[in-house]
N, C-alpha and C. Protein backbone atom coordinates (compact mmCIF):
# COMPACT_ATOMS: atom_id res chain seq x y z
N MET A 1 11.58 -9.68 7.62
CA MET A 1 12.21 -9.06 7.17
C MET A 1 13.39 -9.30 8.92
N GLY A 2 14.82 -8.85 8.88
CA GLY A 2 15.81 -9.38 9.60
C GLY A 2 15.15 -8.39 11.29
N THR A 3 15.90 -8.42 12.04
CA THR A 3 16.72 -7.64 13.16
C THR A 3 17.63 -7.49 14.43
N ILE A 4 17.71 -6.30 14.35
CA ILE A 4 18.52 -5.73 15.29
C ILE A 4 18.88 -5.63 16.58
N ALA A 5 18.74 -5.97 17.72
CA ALA A 5 19.23 -5.39 18.68
C ALA A 5 19.63 -4.35 18.69
N ALA A 6 19.52 -3.51 19.91
CA ALA A 6 20.41 -1.85 19.78
C ALA A 6 21.18 -2.44 20.42
N ASN A 7 21.74 -3.15 21.45
CA ASN A 7 23.40 -4.02 22.46
C ASN A 7 24.08 -4.16 21.40
N ASP A 8 23.48 -4.90 19.85
CA ASP A 8 24.45 -5.92 19.43
C ASP A 8 25.13 -4.27 18.05
N LEU A 9 23.88 -3.49 18.18
CA LEU A 9 24.84 -2.18 17.46
C LEU A 9 25.80 -1.58 18.31
N LYS A 10 25.71 -2.02 19.55
CA LYS A 10 26.12 -0.88 21.09
C LYS A 10 27.61 -1.67 20.39
N THR A 11 27.76 -3.31 20.72
CA THR A 11 28.14 -3.99 21.08
C THR A 11 29.16 -4.10 19.12
N LYS A 12 28.27 -4.59 17.97
CA LYS A 12 29.36 -4.54 17.06
C LYS A 12 29.47 -3.52 16.01
N GLY A 13 28.86 -2.78 15.96
CA GLY A 13 28.88 -1.12 15.37
C GLY A 13 27.94 -1.29 13.93
N VAL A 14 28.38 -0.71 12.94
CA VAL A 14 27.63 -0.98 11.42
C VAL A 14 27.84 -1.82 11.34
N ALA A 15 29.40 -2.75 11.48
CA ALA A 15 29.05 -4.67 11.31
C ALA A 15 27.79 -5.18 11.51
N SER A 16 27.32 -4.85 12.38
CA SER A 16 25.77 -6.03 12.07
C SER A 16 23.97 -5.13 11.59
N ILE A 17 25.18 -3.83 10.93
CA ILE A 17 23.49 -3.42 9.68
C ILE A 17 24.35 -4.05 8.53
N SER A 18 25.63 -3.89 8.24
CA SER A 18 26.33 -5.09 6.91
C SER A 18 25.76 -6.55 6.42
N GLU A 19 25.49 -6.63 7.78
CA GLU A 19 25.31 -8.62 8.14
C GLU A 19 23.76 -8.02 7.42
N LYS A 20 23.64 -8.02 8.38
CA LYS A 20 21.28 -7.95 8.27
C LYS A 20 20.81 -7.11 6.88
N LEU A 21 21.56 -6.62 6.21
CA LEU A 21 21.53 -6.09 5.21
C LEU A 21 21.82 -6.75 3.68
N ALA A 22 22.38 -7.55 4.43
CA ALA A 22 23.32 -8.52 3.11
C ALA A 22 22.20 -9.26 3.27
N GLU A 23 21.76 -9.51 3.79
CA GLU A 23 20.48 -10.96 3.95
C GLU A 23 18.80 -10.60 3.49
N ASP A 24 19.03 -8.90 4.08
CA ASP A 24 16.88 -8.30 3.63
C ASP A 24 17.69 -7.19 3.43
N PRO A 25 17.01 -6.12 2.44
CA PRO A 25 17.01 -4.65 1.93
C PRO A 25 16.37 -3.45 3.15
N GLU A 26 16.02 -4.31 3.49
CA GLU A 26 15.73 -3.58 5.09
C GLU A 26 15.57 -4.13 6.78
N ALA A 27 16.57 -3.57 7.86
CA ALA A 27 16.18 -4.82 9.34
C ALA A 27 15.36 -3.51 9.96
N ILE A 28 14.72 -4.19 11.20
CA ILE A 28 14.79 -3.96 11.72
C ILE A 28 15.49 -3.50 13.46
N ILE A 29 15.78 -1.94 13.54
CA ILE A 29 16.26 -2.69 14.51
C ILE A 29 15.18 -1.87 16.34
N THR A 30 15.84 -3.48 17.07
CA THR A 30 14.60 -3.04 18.26
C THR A 30 15.75 -2.35 19.61
N VAL A 31 14.68 -1.89 20.30
CA VAL A 31 15.43 -1.16 21.77
C VAL A 31 14.42 -1.72 23.02
N ARG A 32 14.83 -2.65 23.77
CA ARG A 32 14.60 -3.49 24.53
C ARG A 32 12.74 -4.25 24.15
N GLY A 33 13.46 -5.26 23.08
CA GLY A 33 12.75 -6.01 22.73
C GLY A 33 11.78 -5.25 21.95
N LYS A 34 11.31 -3.76 21.62
CA LYS A 34 10.25 -3.84 20.73
C LYS A 34 11.17 -2.98 20.03
N SER A 35 10.72 -3.05 17.92
CA SER A 35 10.50 -2.68 17.62
C SER A 35 11.12 -0.83 17.05
N ARG A 36 12.36 -0.39 16.74
CA ARG A 36 11.93 1.46 17.36
C ARG A 36 11.68 1.92 15.87
N TYR A 37 12.94 1.12 14.56
CA TYR A 37 14.31 2.25 13.91
C TYR A 37 13.45 1.03 12.16
N VAL A 38 14.49 2.20 11.82
CA VAL A 38 14.34 0.69 10.41
C VAL A 38 15.90 1.52 9.80
N VAL A 39 16.74 0.62 8.93
CA VAL A 39 17.58 0.68 8.53
C VAL A 39 17.77 -0.32 6.82
N MET A 40 17.91 0.53 5.86
CA MET A 40 18.48 0.34 4.74
C MET A 40 18.95 0.69 3.43
N ASP A 41 20.19 -0.12 3.14
CA ASP A 41 20.93 0.50 2.22
C ASP A 41 20.61 1.09 1.43
N LEU A 42 21.26 2.72 0.81
CA LEU A 42 21.33 3.60 0.32
C LEU A 42 20.28 3.41 -0.73
N GLU A 43 20.72 2.51 -1.53
CA GLU A 43 20.32 2.32 -2.75
C GLU A 43 18.44 1.45 -2.55
N HIS A 44 18.62 1.09 -1.88
CA HIS A 44 17.21 0.95 -1.26
C HIS A 44 16.18 2.15 -1.50
N TYR A 45 16.80 3.26 0.15
CA TYR A 45 16.36 4.42 -0.19
C TYR A 45 16.11 5.08 -1.03
N ARG A 46 17.05 5.02 -1.95
CA ARG A 46 16.44 6.54 -3.33
C ARG A 46 15.55 5.69 -3.98
N TYR A 47 15.87 4.19 -3.95
CA TYR A 47 14.58 3.46 -5.17
C TYR A 47 13.18 2.95 -4.32
N LEU A 48 13.03 3.64 -2.32
CA LEU A 48 11.09 3.75 -2.79
C LEU A 48 11.18 5.56 -2.12
N ARG A 49 11.83 5.81 -2.45
CA ARG A 49 11.74 8.26 -2.74
C ARG A 49 11.97 8.14 -3.99
N GLU A 50 11.56 7.10 -4.82
CA GLU A 50 11.99 6.90 -6.21
C GLU A 50 10.16 7.14 -6.79
N CYS A 51 9.52 5.74 -5.83
CA CYS A 51 8.57 5.28 -5.37
C CYS A 51 7.71 6.11 -5.64
N GLU A 52 8.48 7.03 -4.30
CA GLU A 52 7.08 7.99 -3.89
C GLU A 52 6.44 8.95 -3.78
N LEU A 53 7.85 8.76 -5.24
CA LEU A 53 7.73 10.59 -6.17
C LEU A 53 6.72 10.33 -7.77
N GLU A 54 7.22 8.48 -7.54
CA GLU A 54 5.91 8.91 -8.66
C GLU A 54 4.62 8.92 -8.34
N ALA A 55 4.75 7.80 -7.21
CA ALA A 55 2.93 7.68 -7.07
C ALA A 55 2.52 9.04 -6.83
N ALA A 56 3.12 10.56 -6.21
CA ALA A 56 2.29 11.29 -5.63
C ALA A 56 2.88 12.34 -6.54
N LEU A 57 3.29 12.50 -8.77
CA LEU A 57 3.20 12.47 -10.17
C LEU A 57 1.91 11.72 -9.73
N LEU A 58 1.62 10.57 -10.23
CA LEU A 58 0.60 9.76 -10.30
C LEU A 58 -0.99 10.61 -9.82
N GLU A 59 -1.32 10.70 -8.65
CA GLU A 59 -1.50 11.39 -7.87
C GLU A 59 -2.62 12.79 -8.31
N ALA A 60 -1.42 13.80 -8.64
CA ALA A 60 -1.92 15.04 -9.34
C ALA A 60 -1.83 15.17 -10.98
N ARG A 61 -1.03 14.16 -11.63
CA ARG A 61 -2.37 13.78 -12.99
C ARG A 61 -3.40 13.46 -13.01
N GLN A 62 -3.73 12.80 -12.25
CA GLN A 62 -5.33 11.92 -11.52
C GLN A 62 -6.34 13.97 -11.04
N ASP A 63 -5.30 14.42 -10.35
CA ASP A 63 -6.56 15.27 -9.71
C ASP A 63 -6.34 16.54 -10.80
N VAL A 64 -5.38 16.44 -12.13
CA VAL A 64 -5.71 17.94 -13.06
C VAL A 64 -6.39 17.07 -13.84
N GLU A 65 -6.99 15.63 -14.27
CA GLU A 65 -7.75 15.04 -15.45
C GLU A 65 -8.89 15.01 -14.56
N LYS A 66 -9.70 15.43 -13.88
CA LYS A 66 -11.02 15.06 -12.81
C LYS A 66 -10.88 16.76 -12.73
N GLY A 67 -10.69 17.40 -12.67
CA GLY A 67 -11.15 18.54 -12.39
C GLY A 67 -10.30 18.89 -10.96
N ARG A 68 -10.14 18.32 -10.00
CA ARG A 68 -9.32 18.46 -8.42
C ARG A 68 -8.06 20.01 -8.64
N THR A 69 -8.82 21.05 -9.59
CA THR A 69 -7.39 21.65 -9.51
C THR A 69 -8.26 23.38 -9.15
N VAL A 70 -7.31 24.12 -8.71
CA VAL A 70 -7.37 25.93 -8.85
C VAL A 70 -6.38 26.54 -9.75
N THR A 71 -7.02 27.09 -10.39
CA THR A 71 -5.69 28.37 -10.87
C THR A 71 -6.89 29.51 -10.77
N GLU A 72 -5.40 29.89 -9.54
CA GLU A 72 -5.34 31.84 -8.99
C GLU A 72 -4.46 32.50 -8.68
N SER A 73 -4.52 33.30 -8.31
CA SER A 73 -2.89 33.61 -8.14
C SER A 73 -2.95 33.85 -7.04
N VAL A 74 -1.68 35.01 -6.46
CA VAL A 74 -0.93 34.55 -4.93
C VAL A 74 -1.79 34.52 -4.55
N VAL A 75 -2.01 36.04 -4.77
CA VAL A 75 -2.61 37.40 -3.81
C VAL A 75 -4.17 36.26 -3.64
N GLU A 76 -5.10 35.51 -4.59
CA GLU A 76 -6.22 35.10 -3.62
C GLU A 76 -5.66 33.59 -3.38
N HIS A 77 -5.04 32.96 -4.07
CA HIS A 77 -4.00 31.54 -2.61
C HIS A 77 -4.45 32.02 -1.74
N ILE A 78 -3.30 33.15 -1.42
CA ILE A 78 -3.35 33.12 0.75
C ILE A 78 -4.25 33.97 1.18
N LYS A 79 -5.31 34.80 0.44
CA LYS A 79 -7.20 34.99 1.14
C LYS A 79 -7.41 33.41 0.97
N ARG A 80 -7.24 33.11 -0.17
CA ARG A 80 -7.99 31.82 0.24
C ARG A 80 -7.79 30.93 1.72
N LEU A 81 -6.84 31.10 1.81
CA LEU A 81 -5.65 30.01 3.15
C LEU A 81 -6.51 30.18 4.20
N THR A 82 -5.89 31.68 4.13
CA THR A 82 -6.07 32.69 5.44
C THR A 82 -7.85 33.24 5.71
N ASP A 83 -8.81 32.69 5.23
CA ASP A 83 -10.63 32.68 5.36
C ASP A 83 -10.79 31.72 6.14
N GLY A 84 -9.43 29.81 5.39
CA GLY A 84 -10.31 29.78 6.20
C GLY A 84 -10.47 29.07 7.88
N VAL A 85 -9.50 30.03 7.86
CA VAL A 85 -8.82 29.45 9.62
C VAL A 85 -9.80 30.19 10.65
């Protein structure tokens, strides 16, 4: 993964991001030599979000299959949440 110094970002602007993203799908922005931020192309971000949502869906399906769910009314749910406080 490529890196972009914050100073390069100040002087070259978005062009410095575009250059790095032409090489890699993600780039790290460093501030005073320390990694601070990650930038990526919007399509790559959307892909990662889709993967995250697919993983959450898989986890929810596994919870249902293994009986790790609760069926209750809204009132019962709120009571269960507030009783635990």
